[in-house]
Protein backbone atom coordinates (compact mmCIF):
# COMPACT_ATOMS: atom_id res chain seq x y z
CA MET A 1 -12.83 6.54 -49.07
CA LEU A 2 -11.52 3.31 -50.59
CA THR A 3 -12.43 0.02 -49.00
CA LEU A 4 -9.85 -2.72 -48.50
CA ARG A 5 -11.58 -4.69 -51.24
CA GLN A 6 -11.23 -1.78 -53.67
CA VAL A 7 -7.57 -1.41 -52.73
CA GLU A 8 -7.10 -5.12 -53.39
CA VAL A 9 -8.73 -4.87 -56.84
CA VAL A 10 -6.77 -1.76 -57.88
CA ARG A 11 -3.49 -3.36 -56.87
CA ALA A 12 -4.37 -6.57 -58.71
CA ILE A 13 -4.87 -4.57 -61.91
CA MET A 14 -1.59 -2.72 -61.28
CA VAL A 15 0.31 -5.99 -60.89
CA SER A 16 -1.33 -7.92 -63.72
CA GLY A 17 -1.82 -5.03 -66.17
CA SER A 18 -5.27 -6.27 -67.20
CA ILE A 19 -8.82 -6.79 -66.02
CA ALA A 20 -8.60 -10.48 -66.95
CA GLY A 21 -5.36 -10.91 -65.00
CA ALA A 22 -6.80 -9.19 -61.94
CA ALA A 23 -9.89 -11.41 -62.11
CA ARG A 24 -7.72 -14.54 -62.22
CA HIS A 25 -5.58 -13.28 -59.36
CA LEU A 26 -8.61 -12.60 -57.19
CA ASN A 27 -10.56 -15.62 -58.44
CA VAL A 28 -13.58 -13.51 -59.46
CA SER A 29 -15.33 -12.68 -62.73
CA GLN A 30 -14.02 -10.07 -65.19
CA PRO A 31 -17.35 -8.19 -65.38
CA GLY A 32 -17.28 -7.79 -61.62
CA ILE A 33 -13.82 -6.22 -61.75
CA SER A 34 -14.86 -3.91 -64.61
CA ARG A 35 -17.98 -2.72 -62.79
CA LEU A 36 -16.05 -2.07 -59.59
CA MET A 37 -13.41 -0.02 -61.42
CA LYS A 38 -16.00 2.09 -63.29
CA HIS A 39 -17.86 2.75 -60.04
CA LEU A 40 -14.64 3.62 -58.24
CA GLU A 41 -13.38 6.06 -60.89
CA THR A 42 -16.81 7.71 -61.05
CA SER A 43 -16.90 8.07 -57.26
CA LEU A 44 -13.37 9.51 -57.10
CA GLY A 45 -13.81 11.71 -60.16
CA ILE A 46 -10.40 10.75 -61.56
CA ARG A 47 -8.96 8.15 -63.87
CA LEU A 48 -6.89 5.49 -62.16
CA PHE A 49 -5.72 3.63 -65.28
CA VAL A 50 -5.12 4.30 -68.95
CA ARG A 51 -4.72 1.69 -71.68
CA ARG A 52 -1.29 1.62 -73.31
CA GLY A 53 -0.12 -1.12 -75.63
CA GLY A 54 -3.05 -3.30 -74.63
CA ARG A 55 -2.25 -3.04 -70.92
CA TYR A 56 -3.66 -1.02 -68.03
CA VAL A 57 -1.07 1.33 -66.57
CA PRO A 58 -1.53 3.85 -63.75
CA ALA A 59 -2.73 7.27 -64.93
CA GLU A 60 -0.21 10.06 -64.32
CA GLU A 61 -2.64 12.06 -62.15
CA ALA A 62 -3.18 9.01 -59.91
CA ARG A 63 0.49 8.34 -59.12
CA ALA A 64 0.16 9.60 -55.52
CA VAL A 65 -2.90 7.39 -55.03
CA PHE A 66 -1.00 4.31 -56.18
CA GLU A 67 1.91 5.06 -53.86
CA GLN A 68 -0.53 5.12 -50.95
CA ILE A 69 -2.21 1.94 -52.18
CA ASN A 70 1.18 0.19 -52.23
CA ASP A 71 1.84 1.40 -48.68
CA VAL A 72 -1.56 0.12 -47.55
CA HIS A 73 -0.93 -3.25 -49.20
CA ARG A 74 2.47 -3.56 -47.56
CA LYS A 75 0.86 -2.87 -44.19
CA ILE A 76 -1.82 -5.49 -44.89
CA ASP A 77 0.93 -7.97 -45.75
CA ASP A 78 2.72 -7.07 -42.51
CA LEU A 79 -0.54 -7.53 -40.60
CA GLN A 80 -1.12 -10.94 -42.19
CA LEU A 81 2.45 -11.95 -41.36
CA ALA A 82 1.92 -10.91 -37.74
CA ILE A 83 -1.33 -12.90 -37.61
CA ASP A 84 0.38 -15.95 -39.14
CA ARG A 85 3.22 -15.71 -36.63
CA LEU A 86 0.74 -15.42 -33.78
CA ALA A 87 -1.22 -18.40 -35.09
CA ARG A 88 1.97 -20.46 -34.89
CA GLY A 89 2.83 -19.08 -31.45
CA LYS A 90 5.88 -17.22 -32.75
CA ASP A 91 7.51 -14.89 -30.22
CA VAL A 92 4.87 -15.65 -27.56
CA GLY A 93 4.88 -17.97 -24.60
CA LEU A 94 2.53 -19.76 -22.25
CA GLN A 95 3.46 -20.32 -18.63
CA PHE A 96 1.27 -22.46 -16.41
CA GLY A 97 1.47 -24.55 -13.27
CA SER A 98 0.22 -28.02 -12.48
CA VAL A 99 0.05 -30.35 -9.53
CA PRO A 100 2.16 -33.48 -10.13
CA SER A 101 -0.76 -35.89 -10.59
CA ILE A 102 -1.88 -33.98 -13.70
CA ALA A 103 1.61 -32.93 -14.81
CA ASN A 104 3.13 -36.42 -14.99
CA VAL A 105 1.14 -37.80 -17.94
CA MET A 106 -1.76 -35.56 -18.89
CA VAL A 107 0.22 -32.35 -19.36
CA PRO A 108 2.78 -33.98 -21.72
CA ARG A 109 -0.09 -35.37 -23.82
CA ALA A 110 -1.64 -31.91 -24.06
CA VAL A 111 1.72 -30.29 -24.83
CA VAL A 112 2.31 -32.63 -27.78
CA ALA A 113 -1.08 -31.63 -29.19
CA MET A 114 -0.24 -27.95 -28.60
CA GLN A 115 3.05 -28.30 -30.48
CA LYS A 116 1.20 -29.54 -33.54
CA ARG A 117 -1.22 -26.61 -33.37
CA TYR A 118 1.31 -23.91 -32.40
CA PRO A 119 4.74 -25.18 -33.49
CA ASP A 120 6.59 -22.02 -32.46
CA LEU A 121 4.92 -21.48 -29.08
CA ARG A 122 7.24 -21.38 -26.06
CA LEU A 123 5.92 -23.35 -23.08
CA ASN A 124 7.04 -23.05 -19.48
CA ILE A 125 5.58 -25.72 -17.16
CA ASP A 126 5.86 -25.27 -13.41
CA ILE A 127 5.18 -28.15 -11.01
CA ILE A 128 3.40 -26.69 -8.00
CA LYS A 129 1.93 -27.94 -4.75
CA ILE A 130 -1.73 -27.26 -3.99
CA GLU A 131 -0.82 -24.79 -1.25
CA GLU A 132 1.36 -22.84 -3.70
CA ALA A 133 -1.44 -22.21 -6.20
CA VAL A 134 -2.71 -18.96 -4.67
CA ASP A 135 0.68 -17.23 -4.72
CA TYR A 136 1.45 -18.69 -8.14
CA LEU A 137 -1.59 -17.05 -9.71
CA MET A 138 -1.85 -13.89 -7.63
CA LEU A 139 1.82 -13.04 -8.25
CA ALA A 140 1.25 -13.65 -12.00
CA ARG A 141 3.88 -16.38 -12.23
CA GLY A 142 1.60 -18.20 -14.66
CA GLU A 143 -1.76 -17.87 -16.38
CA VAL A 144 -3.36 -21.09 -15.21
CA ALA A 145 -2.96 -23.59 -12.39
CA LEU A 146 -4.10 -27.18 -12.91
CA MET A 147 -5.44 -28.48 -9.62
CA SER A 148 -6.63 -31.71 -8.01
CA TYR A 149 -8.64 -29.78 -5.45
CA ARG A 150 -10.74 -26.62 -5.31
CA LEU A 151 -9.64 -23.85 -2.95
CA ASP A 152 -11.85 -21.07 -1.64
CA HIS A 153 -10.32 -17.71 -2.57
CA PRO A 154 -12.19 -14.54 -3.55
CA SER A 155 -9.69 -13.59 -6.24
CA LEU A 156 -9.49 -16.96 -7.98
CA VAL A 157 -11.92 -18.80 -10.25
CA PHE A 158 -11.98 -22.59 -10.38
CA GLU A 159 -13.51 -24.34 -13.38
CA PRO A 160 -14.01 -28.13 -13.73
CA LEU A 161 -11.35 -29.90 -15.76
CA ALA A 162 -12.08 -33.64 -15.60
CA THR A 163 -13.25 -36.33 -13.21
CA GLY A 164 -10.90 -39.08 -12.12
CA LYS A 165 -10.86 -42.06 -9.76
CA LEU A 166 -8.46 -43.74 -7.40
CA VAL A 167 -7.09 -47.19 -8.18
CA PHE A 168 -5.11 -49.80 -6.32
CA ILE A 169 -1.67 -50.64 -7.73
CA THR A 170 0.72 -53.51 -7.06
CA ALA A 171 3.79 -55.04 -8.63
CA PRO A 172 2.84 -57.60 -11.33
CA ASP A 173 3.96 -60.53 -9.15
CA HIS A 174 2.10 -59.40 -6.02
CA GLU A 175 -0.55 -61.74 -4.61
CA ALA A 176 -3.28 -59.15 -5.33
CA ALA A 177 -2.15 -58.41 -8.90
CA ARG A 178 -4.70 -60.68 -10.60
CA MET A 179 -7.71 -59.51 -8.63
CA PRO A 180 -10.42 -58.12 -10.97
CA SER A 181 -11.33 -55.51 -8.32
CA ILE A 182 -10.57 -54.81 -4.69
CA SER A 183 -12.52 -53.51 -1.70
CA VAL A 184 -11.43 -51.20 1.08
CA ALA A 185 -11.53 -54.17 3.46
CA GLN A 186 -9.06 -56.04 1.25
CA ILE A 187 -6.82 -52.97 0.79
CA ALA A 188 -6.69 -52.55 4.58
CA ARG A 189 -4.84 -55.90 4.81
CA TYR A 190 -1.75 -54.32 3.25
CA PRO A 191 0.54 -51.53 4.47
CA LEU A 192 0.24 -48.69 1.95
CA ILE A 193 2.82 -46.46 0.27
CA GLY A 194 1.56 -42.84 0.24
CA ILE A 195 -0.96 -41.05 0.16
CA ASP A 196 -0.69 -38.38 2.86
CA PRO A 197 -4.02 -38.08 4.72
CA ASN A 198 -3.96 -34.30 4.13
CA ASP A 199 -3.68 -34.76 0.37
CA PRO A 200 -7.01 -34.49 -1.54
CA TYR A 201 -6.72 -38.12 -2.62
CA GLY A 202 -5.60 -39.13 0.85
CA ARG A 203 -8.72 -37.59 2.36
CA ILE A 204 -10.87 -39.81 0.12
CA MET A 205 -9.10 -42.93 1.39
CA VAL A 206 -9.13 -41.80 5.04
CA SER A 207 -12.89 -41.26 4.77
CA LEU A 208 -13.41 -44.72 3.24
CA PHE A 209 -11.24 -46.45 5.83
CA GLU A 210 -12.94 -44.66 8.73
CA ARG A 211 -16.40 -45.43 7.35
CA HIS A 212 -15.57 -49.14 7.27
CA GLY A 213 -13.79 -49.12 10.61
CA PHE A 214 -10.24 -49.64 9.38
CA GLU A 215 -7.02 -47.89 10.30
CA TYR A 216 -5.40 -45.96 7.44
CA ASN A 217 -1.87 -47.33 7.79
CA ILE A 218 0.79 -45.73 5.59
CA PRO A 219 4.26 -46.68 6.86
CA ILE A 220 5.85 -45.20 3.71
CA ARG A 221 4.80 -41.73 2.58
CA ALA A 222 5.87 -40.26 -0.75
CA ARG A 223 4.40 -37.02 -2.00
CA PHE A 224 4.77 -37.58 -5.73
CA GLY A 225 3.07 -40.29 -7.74
CA THR A 226 6.21 -41.12 -9.72
CA THR A 227 8.00 -42.03 -6.49
CA VAL A 228 5.02 -44.04 -5.24
CA MET A 229 4.84 -46.02 -8.47
CA SER A 230 8.58 -46.67 -8.47
CA LEU A 231 8.39 -48.04 -4.92
CA VAL A 232 5.42 -50.26 -5.77
CA GLU A 233 7.14 -51.52 -8.91
CA ARG A 234 10.03 -52.65 -6.72
CA ASN A 235 7.64 -54.50 -4.38
CA ALA A 236 8.25 -52.11 -1.49
CA GLY A 237 4.50 -52.18 -0.91
CA VAL A 238 1.17 -51.42 -2.55
CA ALA A 239 -0.55 -48.09 -3.08
CA VAL A 240 -3.69 -46.21 -3.98
CA ILE A 241 -3.16 -43.59 -6.67
CA ASP A 242 -5.12 -41.51 -9.15
CA THR A 243 -5.97 -42.80 -12.62
CA PHE A 244 -4.26 -39.89 -14.38
CA SER A 245 -0.86 -40.78 -12.92
CA VAL A 246 -1.05 -44.38 -14.16
CA ALA A 247 -2.49 -43.57 -17.61
CA ASP A 248 0.71 -44.61 -19.40
CA ILE A 249 1.63 -47.53 -17.16
CA GLY A 250 1.80 -50.86 -18.97
CA SER A 251 0.71 -54.13 -17.35
CA GLY A 252 4.34 -55.26 -17.34
CA ARG A 253 5.24 -52.54 -14.84
CA LEU A 254 2.24 -52.41 -12.50
CA ALA A 255 -1.12 -54.07 -11.98
CA VAL A 256 -3.86 -51.43 -11.88
CA ILE A 257 -6.94 -52.69 -10.05
CA PRO A 258 -10.33 -50.94 -9.70
CA ILE A 259 -11.50 -50.07 -6.19
CA GLU A 260 -15.04 -51.27 -5.56
CA GLU A 261 -16.06 -48.31 -3.40
CA GLU A 262 -16.70 -44.87 -4.86
CA THR A 263 -13.47 -42.86 -5.15
CA SER A 264 -14.32 -40.25 -7.79
CA PHE A 265 -12.76 -36.80 -7.56
CA GLN A 266 -12.93 -33.61 -9.61
CA THR A 267 -9.93 -31.77 -11.04
CA TYR A 268 -9.93 -28.06 -11.86
CA PHE A 269 -8.09 -25.30 -13.66
CA ALA A 270 -7.73 -22.08 -11.71
CA THR A 271 -7.29 -18.52 -12.99
CA ARG A 272 -7.32 -15.03 -11.56
CA ARG A 273 -10.77 -13.50 -11.37
CA ASP A 274 -9.52 -10.11 -12.59
CA SER A 275 -7.93 -11.37 -15.83
CA SER A 276 -8.84 -13.38 -18.89
CA ILE A 277 -6.71 -16.21 -20.21
CA SER A 278 -5.00 -16.19 -23.59
CA SER A 279 -6.20 -18.26 -26.52
CA PHE A 280 -3.14 -20.48 -25.98
CA ALA A 281 -4.16 -21.22 -22.39
CA GLY A 282 -7.67 -21.90 -23.64
CA SER A 283 -6.31 -24.39 -26.17
CA LEU A 284 -4.27 -26.08 -23.45
CA ILE A 285 -7.42 -26.54 -21.36
CA GLN A 286 -9.28 -27.99 -24.35
CA GLU A 287 -6.48 -30.48 -25.03
CA LEU A 288 -6.30 -31.47 -21.37
CA LYS A 289 -10.04 -32.07 -21.19
CA LYS A 290 -9.88 -34.29 -24.28
CA SER A 291 -6.95 -36.28 -22.94
CA MET A 292 -8.23 -36.60 -19.39
CA THR A 293 -11.75 -37.66 -20.35
CA SER A 294 -10.63 -40.17 -22.98
CA SER A 295 -7.77 -41.72 -21.03
CA PRO A 296 -7.89 -45.55 -20.94
CA ALA A 297 -6.94 -45.32 -17.29
CA LEU A 298 -10.43 -44.06 -16.53
CA ASP A 299 -11.31 -47.70 -17.01
CA PRO A 300 -8.82 -49.11 -14.52
CA GLN A 301 -9.06 -52.63 -15.92
CA HIS A 302 -7.01 -51.35 -18.87
């Protein structure tokens, strides 16, 4: 039985018509090619080539062998083409879901990196609520769900993505805008926009307010960070929001102020326990981790 390497050498001699040409084509030494051919012809018990006019041409008795070798080589070329197409993401897609706080800034950063790595990959990004994650994954609407909170479900696996913090945001001309940091006691002086107390981030603030004996007063509630930031920018109030949502916010739009108390939280990516994720989903997770752990907004004084 011929090995793929032997097939490669035989075809190189066929194409080039010489041992020297085959050696150059394969970037190996001529003696190596000669030894392989002698060993191969001895093993097969037939001649594969004859010399004619100073060139190696296929022996008449080996014509059928060469036809098969050409077929094998064409299939190898087809295989390599398929691998190359897959490496570029050609004719394949990745569908995943994300909660808004991760989707607003971090997902676009990761997608740009994915486009460079897989320029032909089709991406379908679904914005989901936390309570929609179970159905989203169990009904196979997407491979991965990017979450700001870990749910308990026997059929889902949650893996850590990145750690974030909450920050206080105001309009640039607000009286608190130049504060180097702010405490819960100082935040409690202002009516807040968002965050719903039942939201994972809201629960952190409710706990802090209760621990310090303050009422968590949110006269304006807005579920999505983009809406919260737009309201704050227009001086409709102040807010507490996650660092990932404000990662691309310039100082001209909002003042981002560190909160003195501990507000760290963990984000996750969730998958079905009974399935493995594709290499494309794995690359997405890698890019997200890089972006989310290196984001300037993790230092809120940015």
